[in-house]
Amino acid sequence: MLKHFRPALIFLLIFTVLTGVVYPALVTGLAQLLFPNQANGSLMASANGNSTGSRFIGQPFTGPGYFWGRPSATGPFPYNAGASSGSNLGQTNPALLDAVKARVAALQAADPDNKAAVPVDLVTASGSGLDPHISPAAAAYQLKRVAQARHLSAEKLRELVAEHTEPRQWGMFGEPRVNVLMLNLALDALH
């Protein structure tokens, strides 16, 4: 039995070092060398140089002078990347209806003069709960509120939204979308 145990233990040690130390170190080193921005999470910096978040994870913006992203289902804290998940509430679930009604009411309270229909992506969470994008319609819905809070013209903001609207992936997958963090950083850069 000992003659079978010793080679098994040696192979366990060798493969533990290879797959647990050497391979991860090699992949991490190559990633840092070839793709440093992506390897470090695609973090974005604000005007003062501090990291403000990743372009791939939604951020909680709540001030009237910012575009708001999709709600997050990763509670209890908004956009908790360690708890990525959807709400798992079905369309007929009363809890989902109550949450949507509360979100619609909050959006209407923030901009009482806006009588347009609230875009669905502003009141429902995405599948991951961390979606950094909103639809161009959701950005357009918020234009007047942000323009008033920032003392900017709606036309200037419309141009900024158009500049930050990403097309369909490879021209055919998905829908046009606006990265909320990138748009809000561009807003901050205007002042």
C-alpha atoms as a PDB file:
ATOM      1  CA  MET A   1       0.000   0.000   0.000  1.00  0.00           C
ATOM      2  CA  LEU A   2       2.837   2.368   0.794  1.00  0.00           C
ATOM      3  CA  LYS A   3       4.251   1.851  -2.702  1.00  0.00           C
ATOM      4  CA  HIS A   4       0.995   3.274  -4.181  1.00  0.00           C
ATOM      5  CA  PHE A   5       0.587   6.022  -1.612  1.00  0.00           C
ATOM      6  CA  ARG A   6       4.000   7.638  -2.106  1.00  0.00           C
ATOM      7  CA  PRO A   7       3.668   8.303  -5.901  1.00  0.00           C
ATOM      8  CA  ALA A   8       0.115   9.582  -5.376  1.00  0.00           C
ATOM      9  CA  LEU A   9       1.340  12.020  -2.722  1.00  0.00           C
ATOM     10  CA  ILE A  10       4.208  13.190  -4.954  1.00  0.00           C
ATOM     11  CA  PHE A  11       1.823  13.763  -7.900  1.00  0.00           C
ATOM     12  CA  LEU A  12      -0.577  15.615  -5.592  1.00  0.00           C
ATOM     13  CA  LEU A  13       2.254  17.899  -4.468  1.00  0.00           C
ATOM     14  CA  ILE A  14       3.539  18.471  -8.021  1.00  0.00           C
ATOM     15  CA  PHE A  15       0.093  19.266  -9.456  1.00  0.00           C
ATOM     16  CA  THR A  16      -0.796  21.450  -6.475  1.00  0.00           C
ATOM     17  CA  VAL A  17       2.287  23.568  -7.132  1.00  0.00           C
ATOM     18  CA  LEU A  18       1.708  23.584 -10.917  1.00  0.00           C
ATOM     19  CA  THR A  19      -2.018  24.346 -10.907  1.00  0.00           C
ATOM     20  CA  GLY A  20      -2.202  26.272  -7.651  1.00  0.00           C
ATOM     21  CA  VAL A  21       0.912  28.445  -7.866  1.00  0.00           C
ATOM     22  CA  VAL A  22       2.756  28.348 -11.200  1.00  0.00           C
ATOM     23  CA  TYR A  23      -0.248  28.525 -13.561  1.00  0.00           C
ATOM     24  CA  PRO A  24      -2.093  31.332 -11.680  1.00  0.00           C
ATOM     25  CA  ALA A  25       1.144  33.328 -11.374  1.00  0.00           C
ATOM     26  CA  LEU A  26       1.860  32.895 -15.098  1.00  0.00           C
ATOM     27  CA  VAL A  27      -1.677  33.899 -16.151  1.00  0.00           C
ATOM     28  CA  THR A  28      -1.712  36.870 -13.746  1.00  0.00           C
ATOM     29  CA  GLY A  29       1.691  38.029 -14.981  1.00  0.00           C
ATOM     30  CA  LEU A  30       0.669  37.752 -18.646  1.00  0.00           C
ATOM     31  CA  ALA A  31      -2.595  39.572 -17.975  1.00  0.00           C
ATOM     32  CA  GLN A  32      -0.778  42.399 -16.198  1.00  0.00           C
ATOM     33  CA  LEU A  33       1.737  42.622 -19.024  1.00  0.00           C
ATOM     34  CA  LEU A  34      -0.643  42.382 -21.999  1.00  0.00           C
ATOM     35  CA  PHE A  35      -3.957  43.780 -20.637  1.00  0.00           C
ATOM     36  CA  PRO A  36      -3.225  45.789 -17.457  1.00  0.00           C
ATOM     37  CA  ASN A  37      -6.465  47.831 -17.509  1.00  0.00           C
ATOM     38  CA  GLN A  38      -8.714  44.799 -17.950  1.00  0.00           C
ATOM     39  CA  ALA A  39      -6.710  42.682 -15.485  1.00  0.00           C
ATOM     40  CA  ASN A  40      -7.249  45.333 -12.816  1.00  0.00           C
ATOM     41  CA  GLY A  41     -11.018  45.499 -13.320  1.00  0.00           C
ATOM     42  CA  SER A  42     -11.307  48.292 -15.917  1.00  0.00           C
ATOM     43  CA  LEU A  43     -11.410  50.867 -13.132  1.00  0.00           C
ATOM     44  CA  MET A  44     -12.291  54.424 -14.041  1.00  0.00           C
ATOM     45  CA  ALA A  45     -10.703  57.467 -12.417  1.00  0.00           C
ATOM     46  CA  SER A  46     -12.399  60.773 -11.695  1.00  0.00           C
ATOM     47  CA  ALA A  47     -10.871  64.198 -12.292  1.00  0.00           C
ATOM     48  CA  ASN A  48      -9.038  64.062  -8.942  1.00  0.00           C
ATOM     49  CA  GLY A  49      -7.458  60.706  -9.854  1.00  0.00           C
ATOM     50  CA  ASN A  50      -9.400  58.560  -7.384  1.00  0.00           C
ATOM     51  CA  SER A  51     -10.982  55.347  -8.594  1.00  0.00           C
ATOM     52  CA  THR A  52     -14.728  55.806  -9.024  1.00  0.00           C
ATOM     53  CA  GLY A  53     -15.676  52.293 -10.057  1.00  0.00           C
ATOM     54  CA  SER A  54     -15.490  49.783 -12.856  1.00  0.00           C
ATOM     55  CA  ARG A  55     -17.051  50.451 -16.238  1.00  0.00           C
ATOM     56  CA  PHE A  56     -18.547  46.937 -16.074  1.00  0.00           C
ATOM     57  CA  ILE A  57     -20.357  47.179 -12.712  1.00  0.00           C
ATOM     58  CA  GLY A  58     -23.252  49.537 -12.032  1.00  0.00           C
ATOM     59  CA  GLN A  59     -22.800  52.332  -9.523  1.00  0.00           C
ATOM     60  CA  PRO A  60     -25.435  53.872  -7.249  1.00  0.00           C
ATOM     61  CA  PHE A  61     -26.083  57.466  -8.340  1.00  0.00           C
ATOM     62  CA  THR A  62     -28.877  59.191  -6.452  1.00  0.00           C
ATOM     63  CA  GLY A  63     -28.254  62.936  -6.747  1.00  0.00           C
ATOM     64  CA  PRO A  64     -30.528  64.974  -9.031  1.00  0.00           C
ATOM     65  CA  GLY A  65     -27.520  66.137 -11.078  1.00  0.00           C
ATOM     66  CA  TYR A  66     -26.632  62.604 -12.162  1.00  0.00           C
ATOM     67  CA  PHE A  67     -28.155  60.056 -14.473  1.00  0.00           C
ATOM     68  CA  TRP A  68     -29.453  57.130 -12.456  1.00  0.00           C
ATOM     69  CA  GLY A  69     -28.788  53.544 -13.452  1.00  0.00           C
ATOM     70  CA  ARG A  70     -30.893  50.438 -13.160  1.00  0.00           C
ATOM     71  CA  PRO A  71     -31.949  49.384  -9.704  1.00  0.00           C
ATOM     72  CA  SER A  72     -29.917  46.567  -8.195  1.00  0.00           C
ATOM     73  CA  ALA A  73     -31.274  43.358  -6.722  1.00  0.00           C
ATOM     74  CA  THR A  74     -28.019  42.700  -4.874  1.00  0.00           C
ATOM     75  CA  GLY A  75     -29.253  44.178  -1.581  1.00  0.00           C
ATOM     76  CA  PRO A  76     -29.113  45.090   1.141  1.00  0.00           C
ATOM     77  CA  PHE A  77     -26.555  47.516  -0.327  1.00  0.00           C
ATOM     78  CA  PRO A  78     -26.861  48.782  -3.886  1.00  0.00           C
ATOM     79  CA  TYR A  79     -24.513  47.222  -6.442  1.00  0.00           C
ATOM     80  CA  ASN A  80     -22.855  44.706  -4.149  1.00  0.00           C
ATOM     81  CA  ALA A  81     -20.595  42.883  -6.629  1.00  0.00           C
ATOM     82  CA  GLY A  82     -20.107  40.077  -4.124  1.00  0.00           C
ATOM     83  CA  ALA A  83     -23.806  39.241  -4.317  1.00  0.00           C
ATOM     84  CA  SER A  84     -24.449  39.280  -8.045  1.00  0.00           C
ATOM     85  CA  SER A  85     -27.921  37.968  -8.754  1.00  0.00           C
ATOM     86  CA  GLY A  86     -31.330  38.905 -10.006  1.00  0.00           C
ATOM     87  CA  SER A  87     -34.319  39.340  -7.738  1.00  0.00           C
ATOM     88  CA  ASN A  88     -35.904  36.047  -8.877  1.00  0.00           C
ATOM     89  CA  LEU A  89     -39.324  37.669  -8.549  1.00  0.00           C
ATOM     90  CA  GLY A  90     -41.781  36.575 -11.243  1.00  0.00           C
ATOM     91  CA  GLN A  91     -43.966  38.989 -13.189  1.00  0.00           C
ATOM     92  CA  THR A  92     -47.028  38.166 -11.113  1.00  0.00           C
ATOM     93  CA  ASN A  93     -45.272  38.409  -7.754  1.00  0.00           C
ATOM     94  CA  PRO A  94     -46.836  41.198  -5.651  1.00  0.00           C
ATOM     95  CA  ALA A  95     -43.420  42.082  -4.199  1.00  0.00           C
ATOM     96  CA  LEU A  96     -42.113  42.903  -7.698  1.00  0.00           C
ATOM     97  CA  LEU A  97     -45.187  45.022  -8.452  1.00  0.00           C
ATOM     98  CA  ASP A  98     -44.766  46.899  -5.164  1.00  0.00           C
ATOM     99  CA  ALA A  99     -41.052  47.493  -5.851  1.00  0.00           C
ATOM    100  CA  VAL A 100     -41.758  48.772  -9.374  1.00  0.00           C
ATOM    101  CA  LYS A 101     -44.521  51.080  -8.109  1.00  0.00           C
ATOM    102  CA  ALA A 102     -42.183  52.485  -5.444  1.00  0.00           C
ATOM    103  CA  ARG A 103     -39.435  53.070  -8.027  1.00  0.00           C
ATOM    104  CA  VAL A 104     -41.858  54.796 -10.414  1.00  0.00           C
ATOM    105  CA  ALA A 105     -43.068  57.000  -7.554  1.00  0.00           C
ATOM    106  CA  ALA A 106     -39.462  57.902  -6.625  1.00  0.00           C
ATOM    107  CA  LEU A 107     -38.640  58.826 -10.241  1.00  0.00           C
ATOM    108  CA  GLN A 108     -41.794  60.924 -10.540  1.00  0.00           C
ATOM    109  CA  ALA A 109     -41.092  62.637  -7.212  1.00  0.00           C
ATOM    110  CA  ALA A 110     -37.576  63.520  -8.391  1.00  0.00           C
ATOM    111  CA  ASP A 111     -38.997  65.120 -11.561  1.00  0.00           C
ATOM    112  CA  PRO A 112     -42.690  65.943 -11.019  1.00  0.00           C
ATOM    113  CA  ASP A 113     -43.006  67.897 -14.290  1.00  0.00           C
ATOM    114  CA  ASN A 114     -41.986  64.868 -16.363  1.00  0.00           C
ATOM    115  CA  LYS A 115     -45.184  63.234 -17.608  1.00  0.00           C
ATOM    116  CA  ALA A 116     -43.474  60.753 -19.963  1.00  0.00           C
ATOM    117  CA  ALA A 117     -43.809  57.028 -19.403  1.00  0.00           C
ATOM    118  CA  VAL A 118     -41.015  55.683 -17.198  1.00  0.00           C
ATOM    119  CA  PRO A 119     -38.741  53.334 -19.171  1.00  0.00           C
ATOM    120  CA  VAL A 120     -38.830  49.803 -17.796  1.00  0.00           C
ATOM    121  CA  ASP A 121     -35.070  49.583 -17.256  1.00  0.00           C
ATOM    122  CA  LEU A 122     -35.248  52.373 -14.661  1.00  0.00           C
ATOM    123  CA  VAL A 123     -37.624  50.366 -12.469  1.00  0.00           C
ATOM    124  CA  THR A 124     -36.496  46.736 -12.915  1.00  0.00           C
ATOM    125  CA  ALA A 125     -33.193  45.116 -12.018  1.00  0.00           C
ATOM    126  CA  SER A 126     -31.133  43.215 -14.570  1.00  0.00           C
ATOM    127  CA  GLY A 127     -30.374  39.506 -14.367  1.00  0.00           C
ATOM    128  CA  SER A 128     -27.059  40.111 -12.609  1.00  0.00           C
ATOM    129  CA  GLY A 129     -28.273  43.065 -10.561  1.00  0.00           C
ATOM    130  CA  LEU A 130     -25.078  44.889 -11.550  1.00  0.00           C
ATOM    131  CA  ASP A 131     -25.870  46.196 -15.041  1.00  0.00           C
ATOM    132  CA  PRO A 132     -23.908  49.409 -15.709  1.00  0.00           C
ATOM    133  CA  HIS A 133     -26.065  50.390 -18.705  1.00  0.00           C
ATOM    134  CA  ILE A 134     -29.405  52.020 -19.316  1.00  0.00           C
ATOM    135  CA  SER A 135     -31.278  52.417 -22.583  1.00  0.00           C
ATOM    136  CA  PRO A 136     -31.069  55.694 -24.517  1.00  0.00           C
ATOM    137  CA  ALA A 137     -34.783  56.116 -23.668  1.00  0.00           C
ATOM    138  CA  ALA A 138     -33.963  55.901 -19.940  1.00  0.00           C
ATOM    139  CA  ALA A 139     -31.270  58.557 -20.379  1.00  0.00           C
ATOM    140  CA  ALA A 140     -33.679  60.764 -22.353  1.00  0.00           C
ATOM    141  CA  TYR A 141     -36.282  60.405 -19.582  1.00  0.00           C
ATOM    142  CA  GLN A 142     -33.786  61.903 -17.107  1.00  0.00           C
ATOM    143  CA  LEU A 143     -32.480  64.734 -19.319  1.00  0.00           C
ATOM    144  CA  LYS A 144     -34.644  67.528 -17.937  1.00  0.00           C
ATOM    145  CA  ARG A 145     -33.951  66.700 -14.277  1.00  0.00           C
ATOM    146  CA  VAL A 146     -30.195  66.518 -14.807  1.00  0.00           C
ATOM    147  CA  ALA A 147     -30.164  69.660 -16.979  1.00  0.00           C
ATOM    148  CA  GLN A 148     -32.010  71.653 -14.308  1.00  0.00           C
ATOM    149  CA  ALA A 149     -29.784  70.406 -11.496  1.00  0.00           C
ATOM    150  CA  ARG A 150     -26.602  71.105 -13.468  1.00  0.00           C
ATOM    151  CA  HIS A 151     -27.821  74.357 -15.067  1.00  0.00           C
ATOM    152  CA  LEU A 152     -27.064  72.982 -18.520  1.00  0.00           C
ATOM    153  CA  SER A 153     -29.130  73.051 -21.673  1.00  0.00           C
ATOM    154  CA  ALA A 154     -31.082  69.913 -22.509  1.00  0.00           C
ATOM    155  CA  GLU A 155     -29.545  70.034 -25.983  1.00  0.00           C
ATOM    156  CA  LYS A 156     -25.993  69.931 -24.548  1.00  0.00           C
ATOM    157  CA  LEU A 157     -26.961  66.914 -22.430  1.00  0.00           C
ATOM    158  CA  ARG A 158     -28.633  65.233 -25.411  1.00  0.00           C
ATOM    159  CA  GLU A 159     -25.324  65.560 -27.304  1.00  0.00           C
ATOM    160  CA  LEU A 160     -23.422  64.108 -24.340  1.00  0.00           C
ATOM    161  CA  VAL A 161     -25.816  61.152 -24.137  1.00  0.00           C
ATOM    162  CA  ALA A 162     -25.436  60.583 -27.899  1.00  0.00           C
ATOM    163  CA  GLU A 163     -21.628  60.591 -27.526  1.00  0.00           C
ATOM    164  CA  HIS A 164     -21.871  57.944 -24.790  1.00  0.00           C
ATOM    165  CA  THR A 165     -24.433  55.733 -26.486  1.00  0.00           C
ATOM    166  CA  GLU A 166     -22.812  52.437 -27.411  1.00  0.00           C
ATOM    167  CA  PRO A 167     -24.150  50.636 -30.510  1.00  0.00           C
ATOM    168  CA  ARG A 168     -25.249  47.018 -30.708  1.00  0.00           C
ATOM    169  CA  GLN A 169     -22.444  44.521 -30.134  1.00  0.00           C
ATOM    170  CA  TRP A 170     -20.870  43.835 -33.548  1.00  0.00           C
ATOM    171  CA  GLY A 171     -23.816  45.644 -35.111  1.00  0.00           C
ATOM    172  CA  MET A 172     -26.314  42.857 -34.407  1.00  0.00           C
ATOM    173  CA  PHE A 173     -26.389  41.686 -30.773  1.00  0.00           C
ATOM    174  CA  GLY A 174     -28.269  43.482 -28.022  1.00  0.00           C
ATOM    175  CA  GLU A 175     -29.592  47.002 -28.069  1.00  0.00           C
ATOM    176  CA  PRO A 176     -27.962  50.432 -28.018  1.00  0.00           C
ATOM    177  CA  ARG A 177     -27.029  51.334 -24.455  1.00  0.00           C
ATOM    178  CA  VAL A 178     -25.543  54.094 -22.326  1.00  0.00           C
ATOM    179  CA  ASN A 179     -22.920  53.369 -19.662  1.00  0.00           C
ATOM    180  CA  VAL A 180     -24.124  55.397 -16.671  1.00  0.00           C
ATOM    181  CA  LEU A 181     -20.722  55.697 -14.970  1.00  0.00           C
ATOM    182  CA  MET A 182     -19.016  56.903 -18.152  1.00  0.00           C
ATOM    183  CA  LEU A 183     -21.817  59.410 -18.811  1.00  0.00           C
ATOM    184  CA  ASN A 184     -21.705  60.767 -15.247  1.00  0.00           C
ATOM    185  CA  LEU A 185     -17.907  61.072 -15.336  1.00  0.00           C
ATOM    186  CA  ALA A 186     -18.257  63.059 -18.577  1.00  0.00           C
ATOM    187  CA  LEU A 187     -20.856  65.236 -16.825  1.00  0.00           C
ATOM    188  CA  ASP A 188     -18.470  65.920 -13.965  1.00  0.00           C
ATOM    189  CA  ALA A 189     -15.724  66.777 -16.458  1.00  0.00           C
ATOM    190  CA  LEU A 190     -17.917  69.558 -17.918  1.00  0.00           C
ATOM    191  CA  HIS A 191     -17.624  71.578 -14.709  1.00  0.00           C
END
